C-alpha atoms as a PDB file:
ATOM      1  CA  GLY A   1      13.762  -3.505  -3.716  1.00  0.00           C
ATOM      2  CA  TRP A   2      16.083  -6.102  -2.384  1.00  0.00           C
ATOM      3  CA  SER A   3      15.977  -4.815   1.196  1.00  0.00           C
ATOM      4  CA  ARG A   4      12.272  -5.789   1.490  1.00  0.00           C
ATOM      5  CA  ARG A   5      12.876  -9.364   0.365  1.00  0.00           C
ATOM      6  CA  GLY A   6      13.224 -12.010   3.041  1.00  0.00           C
ATOM      7  CA  GLU A   7      16.189 -14.314   3.508  1.00  0.00           C
ATOM      8  CA  GLY A   8      14.502 -16.974   1.364  1.00  0.00           C
ATOM      9  CA  TRP A   9      15.191 -14.949  -1.784  1.00  0.00           C
ATOM     10  CA  THR A  10      18.189 -15.747  -3.951  1.00  0.00           C
ATOM     11  CA  THR A  11      19.320 -12.904  -6.198  1.00  0.00           C
ATOM     12  CA  ILE A  12      21.040 -13.764  -9.464  1.00  0.00           C
ATOM     13  CA  ASP A  13      22.605 -10.880 -11.354  1.00  0.00           C
ATOM     14  CA  ALA A  14      22.382 -11.756 -15.056  1.00  0.00           C
ATOM     15  CA  PRO A  15      22.850  -8.510 -16.976  1.00  0.00           C
ATOM     16  CA  LEU A  16      23.407 -10.289 -20.310  1.00  0.00           C
ATOM     17  CA  ASP A  17      22.954 -14.074 -20.123  1.00  0.00           C
ATOM     18  CA  LEU A  18      19.474 -14.138 -18.636  1.00  0.00           C
ATOM     19  CA  ALA A  19      18.496 -17.138 -20.774  1.00  0.00           C
ATOM     20  CA  GLY A  20      21.473 -19.118 -19.455  1.00  0.00           C
ATOM     21  CA  ALA A  21      20.719 -18.116 -15.864  1.00  0.00           C
ATOM     22  CA  LEU A  22      17.113 -19.270 -16.220  1.00  0.00           C
ATOM     23  CA  GLU A  23      18.141 -22.547 -17.844  1.00  0.00           C
ATOM     24  CA  ALA A  24      20.512 -23.260 -14.939  1.00  0.00           C
ATOM     25  CA  LEU A  25      17.791 -23.001 -12.287  1.00  0.00           C
ATOM     26  CA  PRO A  26      16.368 -26.152 -10.723  1.00  0.00           C
ATOM     27  CA  ASP A  27      12.833 -27.314 -11.536  1.00  0.00           C
ATOM     28  CA  ASP A  28       9.978 -25.875  -9.460  1.00  0.00           C
ATOM     29  CA  GLN A  29      12.059 -22.796  -8.588  1.00  0.00           C
ATOM     30  CA  PRO A  30       9.870 -19.655  -8.394  1.00  0.00           C
ATOM     31  CA  VAL A  31      11.448 -16.898 -10.480  1.00  0.00           C
ATOM     32  CA  LEU A  32      10.995 -13.131 -10.632  1.00  0.00           C
ATOM     33  CA  VAL A  33      12.761 -11.544 -13.605  1.00  0.00           C
ATOM     34  CA  ASP A  34      13.168  -7.814 -12.992  1.00  0.00           C
ATOM     35  CA  CYS A  35      13.308  -6.465 -15.645  1.00  0.00           C
ATOM     36  CA  LEU A  36      13.333  -7.170 -19.380  1.00  0.00           C
ATOM     37  CA  THR A  37      13.832  -3.566 -20.472  1.00  0.00           C
ATOM     38  CA  LEU A  38      17.027  -3.204 -18.425  1.00  0.00           C
ATOM     39  CA  TRP A  39      18.278  -6.523 -19.852  1.00  0.00           C
ATOM     40  CA  LEU A  40      17.493  -5.274 -23.393  1.00  0.00           C
ATOM     41  CA  THR A  41      19.291  -1.995 -22.682  1.00  0.00           C
ATOM     42  CA  ASN A  42      22.412  -3.920 -21.639  1.00  0.00           C
ATOM     43  CA  HIS A  43      22.444  -5.828 -24.946  1.00  0.00           C
ATOM     44  CA  MET A  44      21.804  -2.738 -27.037  1.00  0.00           C
ATOM     45  CA  LEU A  45      24.557  -0.732 -25.349  1.00  0.00           C
ATOM     46  CA  ALA A  46      26.970  -3.668 -25.775  1.00  0.00           C
ATOM     47  CA  GLU A  47      26.009  -3.680 -29.483  1.00  0.00           C
ATOM     48  CA  HIS A  48      24.984  -7.338 -29.364  1.00  0.00           C
ATOM     49  CA  ASP A  49      22.535  -8.934 -31.767  1.00  0.00           C
ATOM     50  CA  PHE A  50      19.600  -8.160 -29.483  1.00  0.00           C
ATOM     51  CA  ASP A  51      17.038  -9.695 -31.875  1.00  0.00           C
ATOM     52  CA  LEU A  52      18.856 -13.015 -31.530  1.00  0.00           C
ATOM     53  CA  GLU A  53      19.129 -12.626 -27.752  1.00  0.00           C
ATOM     54  CA  CYS A  54      15.403 -11.809 -27.491  1.00  0.00           C
ATOM     55  CA  ARG A  55      14.501 -14.940 -29.472  1.00  0.00           C
ATOM     56  CA  ARG A  56      16.810 -17.023 -27.251  1.00  0.00           C
ATOM     57  CA  LEU A  57      15.232 -15.603 -24.109  1.00  0.00           C
ATOM     58  CA  ALA A  58      11.682 -16.079 -25.426  1.00  0.00           C
ATOM     59  CA  ASP A  59      12.519 -19.710 -26.161  1.00  0.00           C
ATOM     60  CA  VAL A  60      13.632 -20.286 -22.564  1.00  0.00           C
ATOM     61  CA  LEU A  61      10.647 -18.378 -21.149  1.00  0.00           C
ATOM     62  CA  SER A  62       8.304 -20.550 -23.225  1.00  0.00           C
ATOM     63  CA  ARG A  63       9.466 -23.564 -21.173  1.00  0.00           C
ATOM     64  CA  PRO A  64       9.114 -22.490 -17.540  1.00  0.00           C
ATOM     65  CA  ARG A  65       9.820 -25.192 -15.007  1.00  0.00           C
ATOM     66  CA  GLY A  66       8.021 -23.480 -12.158  1.00  0.00           C
ATOM     67  CA  PRO A  67       6.103 -20.291 -11.411  1.00  0.00           C
ATOM     68  CA  TRP A  68       7.957 -17.603 -13.363  1.00  0.00           C
ATOM     69  CA  PHE A  69       7.042 -13.914 -13.230  1.00  0.00           C
ATOM     70  CA  VAL A  70       8.529 -11.429 -15.681  1.00  0.00           C
ATOM     71  CA  VAL A  71       8.547  -7.638 -15.268  1.00  0.00           C
ATOM     72  CA  SER A  72       8.940  -5.255 -18.175  1.00  0.00           C
ATOM     73  CA  ASN A  73       8.232  -1.602 -18.877  1.00  0.00           C
ATOM     74  CA  GLU A  74       5.798  -0.234 -21.424  1.00  0.00           C
ATOM     75  CA  VAL A  75       7.768   2.285 -23.457  1.00  0.00           C
ATOM     76  CA  GLY A  76       5.568   2.851 -26.498  1.00  0.00           C
ATOM     77  CA  GLN A  77       2.749   4.938 -25.062  1.00  0.00           C
ATOM     78  CA  GLY A  78       4.584   8.257 -25.057  1.00  0.00           C
ATOM     79  CA  ILE A  79       5.851  10.523 -27.778  1.00  0.00           C
ATOM     80  CA  VAL A  80       8.157   9.246 -30.519  1.00  0.00           C
ATOM     81  CA  PRO A  81      11.735   9.763 -29.261  1.00  0.00           C
ATOM     82  CA  ASP A  82      13.784  12.315 -31.174  1.00  0.00           C
ATOM     83  CA  ASN A  83      16.962  10.216 -31.437  1.00  0.00           C
ATOM     84  CA  ALA A  84      17.605   7.014 -33.364  1.00  0.00           C
ATOM     85  CA  LEU A  85      18.876   4.920 -30.431  1.00  0.00           C
ATOM     86  CA  ALA A  86      15.810   5.720 -28.328  1.00  0.00           C
ATOM     87  CA  ARG A  87      13.515   4.844 -31.265  1.00  0.00           C
ATOM     88  CA  ARG A  88      15.354   1.527 -31.787  1.00  0.00           C
ATOM     89  CA  PHE A  89      15.018   0.784 -28.075  1.00  0.00           C
ATOM     90  CA  ARG A  90      11.297   1.616 -28.029  1.00  0.00           C
ATOM     91  CA  ASP A  91      10.667  -0.623 -31.033  1.00  0.00           C
ATOM     92  CA  ALA A  92      12.829  -3.480 -29.717  1.00  0.00           C
ATOM     93  CA  ALA A  93      11.208  -3.316 -26.264  1.00  0.00           C
ATOM     94  CA  GLY A  94       7.778  -3.394 -27.877  1.00  0.00           C
ATOM     95  CA  ARG A  95       8.699  -6.467 -29.929  1.00  0.00           C
ATOM     96  CA  LEU A  96      10.189  -8.188 -26.862  1.00  0.00           C
ATOM     97  CA  ASN A  97       7.088  -7.418 -24.790  1.00  0.00           C
ATOM     98  CA  GLN A  98       4.916  -8.858 -27.579  1.00  0.00           C
ATOM     99  CA  GLN A  99       7.040 -12.025 -27.773  1.00  0.00           C
ATOM    100  CA  VAL A 100       6.869 -12.582 -24.032  1.00  0.00           C
ATOM    101  CA  ALA A 101       3.158 -11.712 -23.797  1.00  0.00           C
ATOM    102  CA  THR A 102       2.390 -14.238 -26.535  1.00  0.00           C
ATOM    103  CA  ILE A 103       3.901 -17.106 -24.549  1.00  0.00           C
ATOM    104  CA  ALA A 104       2.765 -15.927 -21.103  1.00  0.00           C
ATOM    105  CA  ASP A 105      -0.252 -17.484 -19.408  1.00  0.00           C
ATOM    106  CA  THR A 106      -1.247 -14.140 -17.862  1.00  0.00           C
ATOM    107  CA  VAL A 107      -0.336 -10.553 -18.780  1.00  0.00           C
ATOM    108  CA  LEU A 108      -1.032  -7.681 -16.389  1.00  0.00           C
ATOM    109  CA  LEU A 109      -0.540  -3.988 -17.071  1.00  0.00           C
ATOM    110  CA  MET A 110       0.054  -2.085 -13.859  1.00  0.00           C
ATOM    111  CA  VAL A 111      -1.363   1.451 -13.843  1.00  0.00           C
ATOM    112  CA  ALA A 112      -0.963   3.534 -10.686  1.00  0.00           C
ATOM    113  CA  GLY A 113      -0.391   0.340  -8.722  1.00  0.00           C
ATOM    114  CA  LEU A 114      -3.590  -1.240 -10.047  1.00  0.00           C
ATOM    115  CA  PRO A 115      -3.521  -4.396 -12.195  1.00  0.00           C
ATOM    116  CA  LEU A 116      -5.312  -4.372 -15.533  1.00  0.00           C
ATOM    117  CA  LYS A 117      -5.627  -7.892 -16.918  1.00  0.00           C
ATOM    118  CA  VAL A 118      -4.594  -7.873 -20.580  1.00  0.00           C
ATOM    119  CA  LYS A 119      -4.464 -11.637 -21.053  1.00  0.00           C
END
């Protein structure tokens, strides 16, 4: 986590307005977004229009102004959740991951600490 990062790291806490935080960064700023599934959870629990927010974020991510790295979790490889909120989250996270993967230059799936190049 944060304790391993050197003093050169700037941490921006953007639990809801991630798109706005990314837009406000200067050009050529390296970015590590950690993570999309937590950001999505925040919007779902706040009962926001998360489809709209995902489209807004994907639009900003499609125009990176430096090296941007985005972390997300794969949530669709397990069993189908037994409650409606968990199913909505799984489906929304899958759609968000697809949106971001479509615009990304490279997509890696990490399995047991090993990278599997998907794209």
